[in-house]
C-alpha atoms as a PDB file:
ATOM      1  CA  MET A   1       9.126 -13.035  -2.236  1.00  0.00           C
ATOM      2  CA  ILE A   2       7.404 -10.462  -4.462  1.00  0.00           C
ATOM      3  CA  ASN A   3       8.357  -6.950  -3.561  1.00  0.00           C
ATOM      4  CA  GLU A   4       5.961  -4.104  -2.899  1.00  0.00           C
ATOM      5  CA  MET A   5       4.972  -1.951  -5.893  1.00  0.00           C
ATOM      6  CA  LEU A   6       4.219   1.723  -5.458  1.00  0.00           C
ATOM      7  CA  GLN A   7       3.090   4.349  -7.953  1.00  0.00           C
ATOM      8  CA  TYR A   8       5.451   7.211  -8.806  1.00  0.00           C
ATOM      9  CA  PRO A   9       5.754   9.731  -7.266  1.00  0.00           C
ATOM     10  CA  ILE A  10       5.745   8.049  -3.884  1.00  0.00           C
ATOM     11  CA  GLN A  11       4.256   9.792  -0.872  1.00  0.00           C
ATOM     12  CA  ILE A  12       5.156   8.825   2.684  1.00  0.00           C
ATOM     13  CA  PRO A  13       2.663  10.202   5.211  1.00  0.00           C
ATOM     14  CA  LEU A  14       4.263  12.343   7.883  1.00  0.00           C
ATOM     15  CA  LYS A  15       3.507  11.553  11.500  1.00  0.00           C
ATOM     16  CA  GLN A  16       1.763  14.143  13.639  1.00  0.00           C
ATOM     17  CA  TYR A  17       2.363  14.741  17.337  1.00  0.00           C
ATOM     18  CA  ASN A  18       0.497  17.387  19.294  1.00  0.00           C
ATOM     19  CA  GLY A  19       1.674  16.495  22.782  1.00  0.00           C
ATOM     20  CA  ASN A  20       4.087  18.311  25.080  1.00  0.00           C
ATOM     21  CA  ASN A  21       6.800  15.647  25.436  1.00  0.00           C
ATOM     22  CA  GLU A  22       9.938  17.220  23.940  1.00  0.00           C
ATOM     23  CA  THR A  23      11.666  13.888  23.355  1.00  0.00           C
ATOM     24  CA  THR A  24       8.707  12.613  21.364  1.00  0.00           C
ATOM     25  CA  LYS A  25       8.483  15.882  19.408  1.00  0.00           C
ATOM     26  CA  ILE A  26      12.144  15.572  18.439  1.00  0.00           C
ATOM     27  CA  ARG A  27      11.737  11.925  17.420  1.00  0.00           C
ATOM     28  CA  TYR A  28       8.714  12.710  15.230  1.00  0.00           C
ATOM     29  CA  ARG A  29      10.515  15.672  13.653  1.00  0.00           C
ATOM     30  CA  GLU A  30      13.579  13.522  12.882  1.00  0.00           C
ATOM     31  CA  ASP A  31      11.434  10.692  11.473  1.00  0.00           C
ATOM     32  CA  ASN A  32       9.535  13.142   9.262  1.00  0.00           C
ATOM     33  CA  GLU A  33      12.770  14.709   8.048  1.00  0.00           C
ATOM     34  CA  LEU A  34      14.051  11.265   7.066  1.00  0.00           C
ATOM     35  CA  ALA A  35      10.728  10.430   5.375  1.00  0.00           C
ATOM     36  CA  ARG A  36      11.128  13.587   3.252  1.00  0.00           C
ATOM     37  CA  LYS A  37      14.696  12.611   2.360  1.00  0.00           C
ATOM     38  CA  ILE A  38      13.625   9.093   1.377  1.00  0.00           C
ATOM     39  CA  MET A  39      10.778  10.454  -0.780  1.00  0.00           C
ATOM     40  CA  LYS A  40      13.085  12.946  -2.461  1.00  0.00           C
ATOM     41  CA  TYR A  41      15.796  10.360  -3.106  1.00  0.00           C
ATOM     42  CA  ILE A  42      13.435   7.757  -4.577  1.00  0.00           C
ATOM     43  CA  ASN A  43      11.370  10.238  -6.590  1.00  0.00           C
ATOM     44  CA  ASP A  44      14.506  11.927  -7.967  1.00  0.00           C
ATOM     45  CA  GLU A  45      15.979   8.570  -9.003  1.00  0.00           C
ATOM     46  CA  VAL A  46      12.765   7.435 -10.660  1.00  0.00           C
ATOM     47  CA  SER A  47      12.345  10.763 -12.461  1.00  0.00           C
ATOM     48  CA  LEU A  48      15.781  10.298 -14.060  1.00  0.00           C
ATOM     49  CA  SER A  49      15.065   6.707 -15.053  1.00  0.00           C
ATOM     50  CA  THR A  50      13.636   5.637 -18.387  1.00  0.00           C
ATOM     51  CA  GLU A  51      12.482   2.318 -16.897  1.00  0.00           C
ATOM     52  CA  LYS A  52       8.888   1.551 -15.969  1.00  0.00           C
ATOM     53  CA  TYR A  53       9.918  -0.455 -12.877  1.00  0.00           C
ATOM     54  CA  ASN A  54      12.544   0.885 -10.468  1.00  0.00           C
ATOM     55  CA  THR A  55      13.513  -1.300  -7.517  1.00  0.00           C
ATOM     56  CA  PHE A  56      15.169  -0.001  -4.366  1.00  0.00           C
ATOM     57  CA  SER A  57      16.495  -2.126  -1.536  1.00  0.00           C
ATOM     58  CA  TYR A  58      16.230  -0.680   1.936  1.00  0.00           C
ATOM     59  CA  ARG A  59      19.974  -1.263   2.261  1.00  0.00           C
ATOM     60  CA  SER A  60      20.805   0.824  -0.831  1.00  0.00           C
ATOM     61  CA  ILE A  61      18.548   3.668   0.344  1.00  0.00           C
ATOM     62  CA  ALA A  62      20.172   3.578   3.778  1.00  0.00           C
ATOM     63  CA  GLN A  63      23.672   3.618   2.285  1.00  0.00           C
ATOM     64  CA  GLU A  64      22.823   6.485  -0.036  1.00  0.00           C
ATOM     65  CA  LEU A  65      21.333   8.573   2.780  1.00  0.00           C
ATOM     66  CA  GLY A  66      23.874   7.556   5.431  1.00  0.00           C
ATOM     67  CA  VAL A  67      21.359   6.089   7.891  1.00  0.00           C
ATOM     68  CA  MET A  68      20.657   2.668   9.348  1.00  0.00           C
ATOM     69  CA  GLU A  69      18.718   0.175   7.233  1.00  0.00           C
ATOM     70  CA  THR A  70      16.330  -0.538  10.117  1.00  0.00           C
ATOM     71  CA  THR A  71      15.439   3.155  10.242  1.00  0.00           C
ATOM     72  CA  VAL A  72      14.699   3.235   6.506  1.00  0.00           C
ATOM     73  CA  LYS A  73      12.572   0.113   6.882  1.00  0.00           C
ATOM     74  CA  LYS A  74      10.605   1.701   9.747  1.00  0.00           C
ATOM     75  CA  ILE A  75       9.816   4.780   7.642  1.00  0.00           C
ATOM     76  CA  ILE A  76       8.951   2.897   4.449  1.00  0.00           C
ATOM     77  CA  ARG A  77       6.658   0.582   6.415  1.00  0.00           C
ATOM     78  CA  ARG A  78       4.216   3.511   6.492  1.00  0.00           C
ATOM     79  CA  ILE A  79       3.493   2.773   2.813  1.00  0.00           C
ATOM     80  CA  ALA A  80       4.862  -0.721   2.092  1.00  0.00           C
ATOM     81  CA  PHE A  81       5.148  -3.906   4.109  1.00  0.00           C
ATOM     82  CA  GLN A  82       7.853  -5.913   2.366  1.00  0.00           C
ATOM     83  CA  GLN A  83      10.991  -6.883   4.214  1.00  0.00           C
ATOM     84  CA  THR A  84      13.831  -5.760   1.966  1.00  0.00           C
ATOM     85  CA  GLU A  85      12.837  -3.688  -1.081  1.00  0.00           C
ATOM     86  CA  ILE A  86      10.187  -1.745  -2.962  1.00  0.00           C
ATOM     87  CA  THR A  87       9.492  -1.232  -6.640  1.00  0.00           C
ATOM     88  CA  VAL A  88       8.209   2.087  -7.943  1.00  0.00           C
ATOM     89  CA  ILE A  89       6.136   2.001 -11.113  1.00  0.00           C
ATOM     90  CA  LYS A  90       6.438   4.973 -13.434  1.00  0.00           C
ATOM     91  CA  ASP A  91       4.337   5.673 -16.499  1.00  0.00           C
ATOM     92  CA  VAL A  92       6.700   5.890 -19.448  1.00  0.00           C
ATOM     93  CA  ASP A  93       5.862   6.931 -22.977  1.00  0.00           C
END
């Protein structure tokens, strides 16, 4: 299976909720916080790399951030649809 390729820096859209349900507000806030952490982790790793292609498995992201792999997959699905990993393409000179 070919993995998903994304352009560096990656951007994960944050979810918006304008309702009054506190449980839903908390869930959206937690999901958005994790999305920010995932973006920061991946973008920081790619920025330090000299490689054009940087591949990240959902499992390695989850382990690095201390969260469940299924949660990482749910967040990354906002921008990529592959099952296990993504590749970030960086312009290198």
